Amino acid sequence: MGLRKVFYFQCFAVATLYIYGALSVQCPDGWVPNGASCYKFHNEEAITFIEAQESCNRDESYLVHVDDDVENTFLVNTVQTLMPINSWWIGLTDNDTEGVFQWVDDMANITYQHFNAHQPDDHASRHDEDCVIIWHAQHWGWNDANCKLHFHYVCEINADPDIIG
């Protein structure tokens, strides 16, 4: 069996275990499980995008990579309960090539997005917005922002699955 087939089989097996509730995830203390990932919501202080990225890296994690609407809804529902109410950095940027958004963890181009209407706009003619936030002021949709602004942030790691049985 080729490596690709083995990988697909492993992904299918893990997905099946999740669907039937035979798989749980183990997260480090202070991290919140959801799906196959663990999340750490940093609302203790607002920092720049680069500082947030460095903080996540120190925890051997990365700024959150939002794969789909289910994950985005989980993030929004969680941050809405945290004080103070603020916007949150996610791991998406077009810093390398203007208008081409990539995730910082794997440099993959964006496939799912939840930008607000008229976003991203790169701040009209100023061209100084290269990092993405979940924007509290506009119904928790995404907005491009200046990377030097200070916001809270979410780190993500892959969870350790445990088979129940």
N, C-alpha and C. Protein backbone atom coordinates (compact mmCIF):
# COMPACT_ATOMS: atom_id res chain seq x y z
N MET A 1 0.85 -1.17 0.00
CA MET A 1 0.00 0.00 0.00
C MET A 1 0.90 1.23 0.00
N GLY A 2 0.64 2.19 -0.89
CA GLY A 2 1.45 3.39 -0.97
C GLY A 2 1.26 4.30 0.23
N LEU A 3 2.22 5.19 0.44
CA LEU A 3 2.15 6.11 1.57
C LEU A 3 0.90 6.98 1.53
N ARG A 4 0.51 7.41 0.35
CA ARG A 4 -0.68 8.25 0.22
C ARG A 4 -1.92 7.48 0.66
N LYS A 5 -2.03 6.21 0.25
CA LYS A 5 -3.19 5.40 0.66
C LYS A 5 -3.19 5.17 2.17
N VAL A 6 -2.01 4.94 2.74
CA VAL A 6 -1.92 4.76 4.19
C VAL A 6 -2.38 6.02 4.90
N PHE A 7 -1.93 7.17 4.43
CA PHE A 7 -2.32 8.45 5.02
C PHE A 7 -3.83 8.64 4.94
N TYR A 8 -4.41 8.41 3.77
CA TYR A 8 -5.86 8.56 3.62
C TYR A 8 -6.62 7.59 4.52
N PHE A 9 -6.13 6.36 4.64
CA PHE A 9 -6.77 5.39 5.52
C PHE A 9 -6.71 5.87 6.96
N GLN A 10 -5.55 6.38 7.40
CA GLN A 10 -5.42 6.88 8.76
C GLN A 10 -6.37 8.04 9.01
N CYS A 11 -6.47 8.96 8.06
CA CYS A 11 -7.40 10.09 8.20
C CYS A 11 -8.84 9.60 8.29
N PHE A 12 -9.20 8.62 7.45
CA PHE A 12 -10.55 8.06 7.48
C PHE A 12 -10.83 7.39 8.82
N ALA A 13 -9.85 6.65 9.32
CA ALA A 13 -10.04 5.94 10.60
C ALA A 13 -10.23 6.93 11.74
N VAL A 14 -9.42 7.98 11.79
CA VAL A 14 -9.55 8.98 12.85
C VAL A 14 -10.89 9.70 12.73
N ALA A 15 -11.29 10.07 11.53
CA ALA A 15 -12.58 10.75 11.33
C ALA A 15 -13.73 9.84 11.77
N THR A 16 -13.66 8.59 11.46
CA THR A 16 -14.71 7.65 11.86
C THR A 16 -14.79 7.55 13.38
N LEU A 17 -13.64 7.50 14.04
CA LEU A 17 -13.63 7.43 15.50
C LEU A 17 -14.25 8.67 16.12
N TYR A 18 -13.97 9.85 15.54
CA TYR A 18 -14.59 11.08 16.05
C TYR A 18 -16.10 11.04 15.88
N ILE A 19 -16.53 10.63 14.70
CA ILE A 19 -17.97 10.61 14.40
C ILE A 19 -18.71 9.72 15.38
N TYR A 20 -18.15 8.58 15.70
CA TYR A 20 -18.83 7.63 16.58
C TYR A 20 -18.48 7.81 18.05
N GLY A 21 -17.78 8.89 18.38
CA GLY A 21 -17.52 9.23 19.76
C GLY A 21 -16.52 8.33 20.47
N ALA A 22 -15.72 7.61 19.72
CA ALA A 22 -14.75 6.70 20.33
C ALA A 22 -13.38 7.35 20.48
N LEU A 23 -13.29 8.62 20.17
CA LEU A 23 -12.01 9.31 20.24
C LEU A 23 -12.21 10.60 21.00
N SER A 24 -11.39 10.84 21.98
CA SER A 24 -11.41 12.11 22.68
C SER A 24 -10.06 12.76 22.48
N VAL A 25 -9.94 14.01 22.81
CA VAL A 25 -8.66 14.70 22.66
C VAL A 25 -8.15 15.11 24.02
N GLN A 26 -6.85 15.08 24.15
CA GLN A 26 -6.18 15.51 25.37
C GLN A 26 -5.44 16.80 25.08
N CYS A 27 -5.71 17.82 25.87
CA CYS A 27 -5.06 19.11 25.70
C CYS A 27 -4.26 19.45 26.95
N PRO A 28 -3.19 20.22 26.78
CA PRO A 28 -2.45 20.67 27.96
C PRO A 28 -3.34 21.55 28.85
N ASP A 29 -2.97 21.70 30.10
CA ASP A 29 -3.71 22.57 31.00
C ASP A 29 -3.80 23.97 30.42
N GLY A 30 -4.98 24.56 30.53
CA GLY A 30 -5.19 25.91 30.03
C GLY A 30 -5.60 25.99 28.56
N TRP A 31 -5.63 24.84 27.89
CA TRP A 31 -6.01 24.78 26.49
C TRP A 31 -7.41 24.21 26.38
N VAL A 32 -8.15 24.64 25.35
CA VAL A 32 -9.54 24.23 25.15
C VAL A 32 -9.62 23.29 23.95
N PRO A 33 -10.18 22.08 24.13
CA PRO A 33 -10.28 21.16 22.99
C PRO A 33 -11.46 21.50 22.08
N ASN A 34 -11.27 21.28 20.81
CA ASN A 34 -12.35 21.37 19.82
C ASN A 34 -11.89 20.61 18.58
N GLY A 35 -12.68 19.62 18.17
CA GLY A 35 -12.29 18.81 17.02
C GLY A 35 -10.98 18.12 17.30
N ALA A 36 -10.05 18.23 16.38
CA ALA A 36 -8.75 17.58 16.51
C ALA A 36 -7.66 18.55 16.98
N SER A 37 -8.08 19.70 17.54
CA SER A 37 -7.11 20.71 17.96
C SER A 37 -7.37 21.16 19.39
N CYS A 38 -6.37 21.84 19.95
CA CYS A 38 -6.48 22.51 21.23
C CYS A 38 -6.17 23.98 21.00
N TYR A 39 -6.86 24.84 21.75
CA TYR A 39 -6.75 26.28 21.56
C TYR A 39 -6.45 26.96 22.88
N LYS A 40 -5.58 27.97 22.82
CA LYS A 40 -5.30 28.79 23.99
C LYS A 40 -5.68 30.22 23.65
N PHE A 41 -6.61 30.76 24.40
CA PHE A 41 -7.12 32.10 24.17
C PHE A 41 -6.39 33.07 25.10
N HIS A 42 -5.58 33.93 24.50
CA HIS A 42 -4.76 34.87 25.27
C HIS A 42 -5.47 36.22 25.35
N ASN A 43 -6.16 36.45 26.47
CA ASN A 43 -6.83 37.72 26.66
C ASN A 43 -6.22 38.52 27.80
N GLU A 44 -5.04 38.09 28.27
CA GLU A 44 -4.40 38.80 29.38
C GLU A 44 -3.81 40.15 28.96
N GLU A 45 -3.35 40.23 27.72
CA GLU A 45 -2.86 41.51 27.21
C GLU A 45 -2.96 41.50 25.69
N ALA A 46 -3.13 42.67 25.13
CA ALA A 46 -3.18 42.82 23.67
C ALA A 46 -1.77 43.10 23.17
N ILE A 47 -1.37 42.40 22.09
CA ILE A 47 -0.03 42.55 21.54
C ILE A 47 -0.09 42.58 20.02
N THR A 48 1.06 42.86 19.38
CA THR A 48 1.12 42.92 17.92
C THR A 48 1.04 41.52 17.32
N PHE A 49 0.84 41.46 16.02
CA PHE A 49 0.76 40.18 15.31
C PHE A 49 2.05 39.39 15.48
N ILE A 50 3.18 40.03 15.28
CA ILE A 50 4.48 39.35 15.40
C ILE A 50 4.69 38.85 16.83
N GLU A 51 4.35 39.67 17.82
CA GLU A 51 4.48 39.24 19.21
C GLU A 51 3.57 38.04 19.51
N ALA A 52 2.37 38.06 18.94
CA ALA A 52 1.44 36.94 19.13
C ALA A 52 2.01 35.67 18.49
N GLN A 53 2.55 35.82 17.30
CA GLN A 53 3.16 34.68 16.61
C GLN A 53 4.31 34.11 17.44
N GLU A 54 5.15 34.97 17.97
CA GLU A 54 6.28 34.53 18.79
C GLU A 54 5.81 33.86 20.07
N SER A 55 4.76 34.39 20.68
CA SER A 55 4.21 33.79 21.90
C SER A 55 3.69 32.38 21.62
N CYS A 56 2.96 32.22 20.53
CA CYS A 56 2.48 30.88 20.16
C CYS A 56 3.65 29.93 19.91
N ASN A 57 4.66 30.41 19.20
CA ASN A 57 5.82 29.57 18.91
C ASN A 57 6.51 29.10 20.19
N ARG A 58 6.56 29.96 21.21
CA ARG A 58 7.17 29.56 22.48
C ARG A 58 6.39 28.41 23.13
N ASP A 59 5.09 28.35 22.87
CA ASP A 59 4.26 27.25 23.37
C ASP A 59 4.23 26.07 22.40
N GLU A 60 5.13 26.08 21.41
CA GLU A 60 5.18 25.05 20.37
C GLU A 60 3.83 24.91 19.68
N SER A 61 3.22 26.07 19.40
CA SER A 61 1.94 26.14 18.71
C SER A 61 2.04 27.20 17.63
N TYR A 62 0.91 27.57 17.05
CA TYR A 62 0.89 28.56 16.00
C TYR A 62 -0.39 29.38 16.14
N LEU A 63 -0.37 30.61 15.58
CA LEU A 63 -1.60 31.40 15.55
C LEU A 63 -2.64 30.59 14.80
N VAL A 64 -3.86 30.62 15.29
CA VAL A 64 -4.92 29.74 14.83
C VAL A 64 -5.08 29.79 13.31
N HIS A 65 -5.24 28.61 12.73
CA HIS A 65 -5.49 28.39 11.30
C HIS A 65 -6.94 27.92 11.20
N VAL A 66 -7.80 28.78 10.69
CA VAL A 66 -9.24 28.49 10.65
C VAL A 66 -9.57 27.75 9.37
N ASP A 67 -9.99 26.48 9.51
CA ASP A 67 -10.21 25.62 8.36
C ASP A 67 -11.62 25.69 7.78
N ASP A 68 -12.61 26.01 8.62
CA ASP A 68 -13.98 25.94 8.12
C ASP A 68 -14.92 26.74 9.04
N ASP A 69 -16.18 26.76 8.65
CA ASP A 69 -17.18 27.53 9.39
C ASP A 69 -17.41 26.96 10.79
N VAL A 70 -17.28 25.66 10.95
CA VAL A 70 -17.46 25.04 12.27
C VAL A 70 -16.39 25.56 13.23
N GLU A 71 -15.15 25.57 12.78
CA GLU A 71 -14.06 26.06 13.62
C GLU A 71 -14.21 27.56 13.89
N ASN A 72 -14.57 28.33 12.87
CA ASN A 72 -14.76 29.76 13.05
C ASN A 72 -15.86 30.06 14.07
N THR A 73 -16.97 29.31 13.98
CA THR A 73 -18.08 29.50 14.93
C THR A 73 -17.62 29.18 16.35
N PHE A 74 -16.85 28.11 16.52
CA PHE A 74 -16.31 27.78 17.84
C PHE A 74 -15.46 28.93 18.37
N LEU A 75 -14.59 29.48 17.54
CA LEU A 75 -13.72 30.57 17.97
C LEU A 75 -14.54 31.80 18.37
N VAL A 76 -15.48 32.19 17.52
CA VAL A 76 -16.31 33.36 17.80
C VAL A 76 -17.12 33.16 19.07
N ASN A 77 -17.74 32.01 19.22
CA ASN A 77 -18.54 31.74 20.42
C ASN A 77 -17.68 31.81 21.67
N THR A 78 -16.45 31.35 21.59
CA THR A 78 -15.57 31.36 22.75
C THR A 78 -15.09 32.77 23.07
N VAL A 79 -14.61 33.51 22.07
CA VAL A 79 -14.07 34.85 22.37
C VAL A 79 -15.15 35.82 22.83
N GLN A 80 -16.39 35.58 22.44
CA GLN A 80 -17.48 36.46 22.88
C GLN A 80 -17.71 36.35 24.38
N THR A 81 -17.25 35.27 24.99
CA THR A 81 -17.45 35.08 26.43
C THR A 81 -16.29 35.62 27.25
N LEU A 82 -15.21 36.02 26.61
CA LEU A 82 -14.01 36.45 27.32
C LEU A 82 -13.95 37.96 27.46
N MET A 83 -13.46 38.39 28.59
CA MET A 83 -13.32 39.82 28.84
C MET A 83 -11.84 40.17 28.84
N PRO A 84 -11.45 41.36 28.43
CA PRO A 84 -12.34 42.37 27.87
C PRO A 84 -12.72 42.02 26.43
N ILE A 85 -13.85 42.55 26.00
CA ILE A 85 -14.26 42.36 24.61
C ILE A 85 -13.23 43.04 23.72
N ASN A 86 -12.72 42.33 22.76
CA ASN A 86 -11.69 42.87 21.89
C ASN A 86 -11.66 42.04 20.62
N SER A 87 -10.87 42.49 19.67
CA SER A 87 -10.62 41.71 18.46
C SER A 87 -9.46 40.76 18.72
N TRP A 88 -9.34 39.73 17.85
CA TRP A 88 -8.39 38.64 18.08
C TRP A 88 -7.59 38.34 16.82
N TRP A 89 -6.27 38.29 16.97
CA TRP A 89 -5.42 37.87 15.85
C TRP A 89 -5.68 36.42 15.51
N ILE A 90 -5.73 36.13 14.19
CA ILE A 90 -5.66 34.76 13.70
C ILE A 90 -4.42 34.68 12.81
N GLY A 91 -4.01 33.49 12.44
CA GLY A 91 -2.74 33.31 11.75
C GLY A 91 -2.78 33.50 10.25
N LEU A 92 -3.43 34.56 9.80
CA LEU A 92 -3.60 34.81 8.36
C LEU A 92 -2.99 36.15 8.00
N THR A 93 -2.22 36.18 6.91
CA THR A 93 -1.55 37.41 6.49
C THR A 93 -1.36 37.44 4.98
N ASP A 94 -1.29 38.65 4.44
CA ASP A 94 -0.88 38.82 3.04
C ASP A 94 0.40 39.66 2.99
N ASN A 95 1.23 39.49 4.00
CA ASN A 95 2.46 40.26 4.13
C ASN A 95 3.46 39.98 3.01
N ASP A 96 3.51 38.74 2.52
CA ASP A 96 4.48 38.40 1.46
C ASP A 96 4.05 38.95 0.11
N THR A 97 2.77 38.77 -0.24
CA THR A 97 2.25 39.26 -1.52
C THR A 97 0.89 39.89 -1.27
N GLU A 98 0.77 41.17 -1.54
CA GLU A 98 -0.47 41.90 -1.28
C GLU A 98 -1.65 41.23 -1.98
N GLY A 99 -2.69 40.94 -1.18
CA GLY A 99 -3.91 40.35 -1.71
C GLY A 99 -3.90 38.83 -1.76
N VAL A 100 -2.75 38.20 -1.47
CA VAL A 100 -2.65 36.74 -1.45
C VAL A 100 -2.50 36.33 0.03
N PHE A 101 -3.60 35.92 0.64
CA PHE A 101 -3.60 35.58 2.05
C PHE A 101 -3.13 34.14 2.26
N GLN A 102 -2.21 34.00 3.23
CA GLN A 102 -1.64 32.70 3.57
C GLN A 102 -1.65 32.51 5.08
N TRP A 103 -1.76 31.25 5.49
CA TRP A 103 -1.70 30.90 6.91
C TRP A 103 -0.24 30.82 7.33
N VAL A 104 0.08 31.36 8.51
CA VAL A 104 1.47 31.42 8.95
C VAL A 104 2.02 30.06 9.37
N ASP A 105 1.16 29.11 9.73
CA ASP A 105 1.66 27.82 10.20
C ASP A 105 2.21 26.96 9.07
N ASP A 106 1.60 27.03 7.88
CA ASP A 106 2.04 26.17 6.78
C ASP A 106 2.17 26.90 5.45
N MET A 107 1.96 28.21 5.45
CA MET A 107 2.04 29.06 4.26
C MET A 107 1.05 28.66 3.17
N ALA A 108 0.01 27.93 3.54
CA ALA A 108 -1.04 27.54 2.59
C ALA A 108 -1.89 28.76 2.24
N ASN A 109 -2.28 28.85 0.98
CA ASN A 109 -3.20 29.91 0.58
C ASN A 109 -4.56 29.67 1.22
N ILE A 110 -5.28 30.72 1.41
CA ILE A 110 -6.58 30.67 2.07
C ILE A 110 -7.58 29.90 1.20
N THR A 111 -8.31 28.97 1.81
CA THR A 111 -9.38 28.26 1.10
C THR A 111 -10.73 28.57 1.74
N TYR A 112 -10.74 28.79 3.05
CA TYR A 112 -11.96 29.22 3.75
C TYR A 112 -11.71 30.64 4.24
N GLN A 113 -12.74 31.48 4.17
CA GLN A 113 -12.61 32.84 4.68
C GLN A 113 -13.95 33.31 5.24
N HIS A 114 -13.87 34.26 6.16
CA HIS A 114 -15.07 34.82 6.78
C HIS A 114 -14.92 36.35 6.93
N PHE A 115 -14.43 36.98 5.86
CA PHE A 115 -14.25 38.43 5.89
C PHE A 115 -15.59 39.15 5.91
N ASN A 116 -15.63 40.27 6.63
CA ASN A 116 -16.80 41.14 6.61
C ASN A 116 -16.98 41.72 5.21
N ALA A 117 -18.15 42.28 4.95
CA ALA A 117 -18.40 42.96 3.68
C ALA A 117 -17.36 44.07 3.50
N HIS A 118 -16.89 44.22 2.30
CA HIS A 118 -15.91 45.25 1.92
C HIS A 118 -14.53 45.01 2.56
N GLN A 119 -14.30 43.81 3.01
CA GLN A 119 -13.00 43.44 3.58
C GLN A 119 -12.48 42.23 2.81
N PRO A 120 -11.20 42.07 2.68
CA PRO A 120 -10.15 42.96 3.17
C PRO A 120 -10.04 44.20 2.28
N ASP A 121 -9.67 45.31 2.89
CA ASP A 121 -9.60 46.56 2.12
C ASP A 121 -8.24 47.22 2.16
N ASP A 122 -7.28 46.64 2.90
CA ASP A 122 -5.93 47.19 3.01
C ASP A 122 -5.97 48.66 3.41
N HIS A 123 -6.96 49.04 4.18
CA HIS A 123 -7.14 50.41 4.69
C HIS A 123 -7.12 51.43 3.57
N ALA A 124 -7.93 51.14 2.57
CA ALA A 124 -8.09 52.05 1.41
C ALA A 124 -6.75 52.32 0.77
N SER A 125 -6.34 53.56 0.72
CA SER A 125 -5.12 53.92 -0.01
C SER A 125 -3.86 53.83 0.84
N ARG A 126 -3.99 53.52 2.12
CA ARG A 126 -2.80 53.50 2.99
C ARG A 126 -1.97 52.24 2.82
N HIS A 127 -2.57 51.15 2.38
CA HIS A 127 -1.86 49.89 2.13
C HIS A 127 -1.01 49.46 3.33
N ASP A 128 -1.63 49.45 4.52
CA ASP A 128 -0.87 49.10 5.70
C ASP A 128 -1.56 48.03 6.55
N GLU A 129 -2.45 47.25 5.93
CA GLU A 129 -3.16 46.21 6.67
C GLU A 129 -2.85 44.84 6.07
N ASP A 130 -1.97 44.10 6.72
CA ASP A 130 -1.51 42.83 6.18
C ASP A 130 -1.79 41.63 7.08
N CYS A 131 -2.41 41.85 8.23
CA CYS A 131 -2.69 40.76 9.17
C CYS A 131 -4.18 40.74 9.47
N VAL A 132 -4.69 39.58 9.87
CA VAL A 132 -6.15 39.40 9.95
C VAL A 132 -6.59 39.18 11.40
N ILE A 133 -7.72 39.83 11.74
CA ILE A 133 -8.33 39.69 13.05
C ILE A 133 -9.76 39.19 12.91
N ILE A 134 -10.25 38.55 13.97
CA ILE A 134 -11.69 38.37 14.16
C ILE A 134 -12.13 39.67 14.81
N TRP A 135 -12.95 40.43 14.11
CA TRP A 135 -13.23 41.83 14.44
C TRP A 135 -14.50 41.95 15.28
N HIS A 136 -14.34 42.34 16.51
CA HIS A 136 -15.49 42.44 17.42
C HIS A 136 -16.47 43.54 17.02
N ALA A 137 -16.00 44.57 16.35
CA ALA A 137 -16.86 45.71 16.03
C ALA A 137 -17.79 45.45 14.85
N GLN A 138 -17.56 44.40 14.10
CA GLN A 138 -18.37 44.12 12.91
C GLN A 138 -18.86 42.68 12.92
N HIS A 139 -19.65 42.33 13.90
CA HIS A 139 -20.32 41.03 13.96
C HIS A 139 -19.36 39.85 13.95
N TRP A 140 -18.14 40.06 14.44
CA TRP A 140 -17.16 39.00 14.61
C TRP A 140 -16.71 38.39 13.29
N GLY A 141 -16.83 39.13 12.20
CA GLY A 141 -16.26 38.69 10.93
C GLY A 141 -14.78 39.04 10.90
N TRP A 142 -14.12 38.69 9.82
CA TRP A 142 -12.69 38.95 9.70
C TRP A 142 -12.45 40.31 9.06
N ASN A 143 -11.31 40.89 9.42
CA ASN A 143 -10.90 42.18 8.89
C ASN A 143 -9.38 42.18 8.79
N ASP A 144 -8.86 42.80 7.74
CA ASP A 144 -7.41 42.99 7.69
C ASP A 144 -7.08 44.22 8.54
N ALA A 145 -5.97 44.12 9.27
CA ALA A 145 -5.56 45.18 10.20
C ALA A 145 -4.06 45.40 10.10
N ASN A 146 -3.63 46.54 10.58
CA ASN A 146 -2.21 46.84 10.65
C ASN A 146 -1.57 45.87 11.65
N CYS A 147 -0.52 45.20 11.25
CA CYS A 147 0.12 44.17 12.07
C CYS A 147 0.73 44.72 13.35
N LYS A 148 0.90 46.05 13.42
CA LYS A 148 1.51 46.66 14.60
C LYS A 148 0.48 47.06 15.66
N LEU A 149 -0.81 46.89 15.34
CA LEU A 149 -1.85 47.17 16.33
C LEU A 149 -1.83 46.08 17.39
N HIS A 150 -2.49 46.34 18.51
CA HIS A 150 -2.49 45.42 19.64
C HIS A 150 -3.87 44.78 19.82
N PHE A 151 -3.90 43.44 19.73
CA PHE A 151 -5.13 42.68 19.93
C PHE A 151 -4.81 41.43 20.75
N HIS A 152 -5.84 40.78 21.23
CA HIS A 152 -5.69 39.47 21.86
C HIS A 152 -5.41 38.46 20.73
N TYR A 153 -5.15 37.20 21.09
CA TYR A 153 -4.80 36.22 20.06
C TYR A 153 -5.13 34.81 20.51
N VAL A 154 -5.22 33.92 19.52
CA VAL A 154 -5.54 32.51 19.77
C VAL A 154 -4.44 31.65 19.18
N CYS A 155 -3.89 30.76 20.01
CA CYS A 155 -2.90 29.78 19.55
C CYS A 155 -3.60 28.44 19.36
N GLU A 156 -3.06 27.62 18.47
CA GLU A 156 -3.62 26.30 18.18
C GLU A 156 -2.51 25.27 18.13
N ILE A 157 -2.82 24.08 18.64
CA ILE A 157 -1.95 22.91 18.48
C ILE A 157 -2.82 21.72 18.09
N ASN A 158 -2.20 20.74 17.47
CA ASN A 158 -2.93 19.50 17.19
C ASN A 158 -3.07 18.74 18.50
N ALA A 159 -4.27 18.23 18.74
CA ALA A 159 -4.54 17.51 19.98
C ALA A 159 -3.97 16.11 19.92
N ASP A 160 -3.71 15.55 21.10
CA ASP A 160 -3.33 14.15 21.21
C ASP A 160 -4.60 13.33 21.33
N PRO A 161 -4.91 12.49 20.33
CA PRO A 161 -6.14 11.70 20.42
C PRO A 161 -5.97 10.50 21.35
N ASP A 162 -7.02 10.21 22.08
CA ASP A 162 -7.09 9.01 22.92
C ASP A 162 -8.28 8.20 22.48
N ILE A 163 -8.07 6.93 22.23
CA ILE A 163 -9.17 6.06 21.85
C ILE A 163 -9.85 5.55 23.12
N ILE A 164 -11.16 5.74 23.18
CA ILE A 164 -11.94 5.30 24.32
C ILE A 164 -12.46 3.90 24.05
N GLY A 165 -12.32 3.06 25.00
CA GLY A 165 -12.85 1.74 24.74
C GLY A 165 -12.36 0.76 25.62
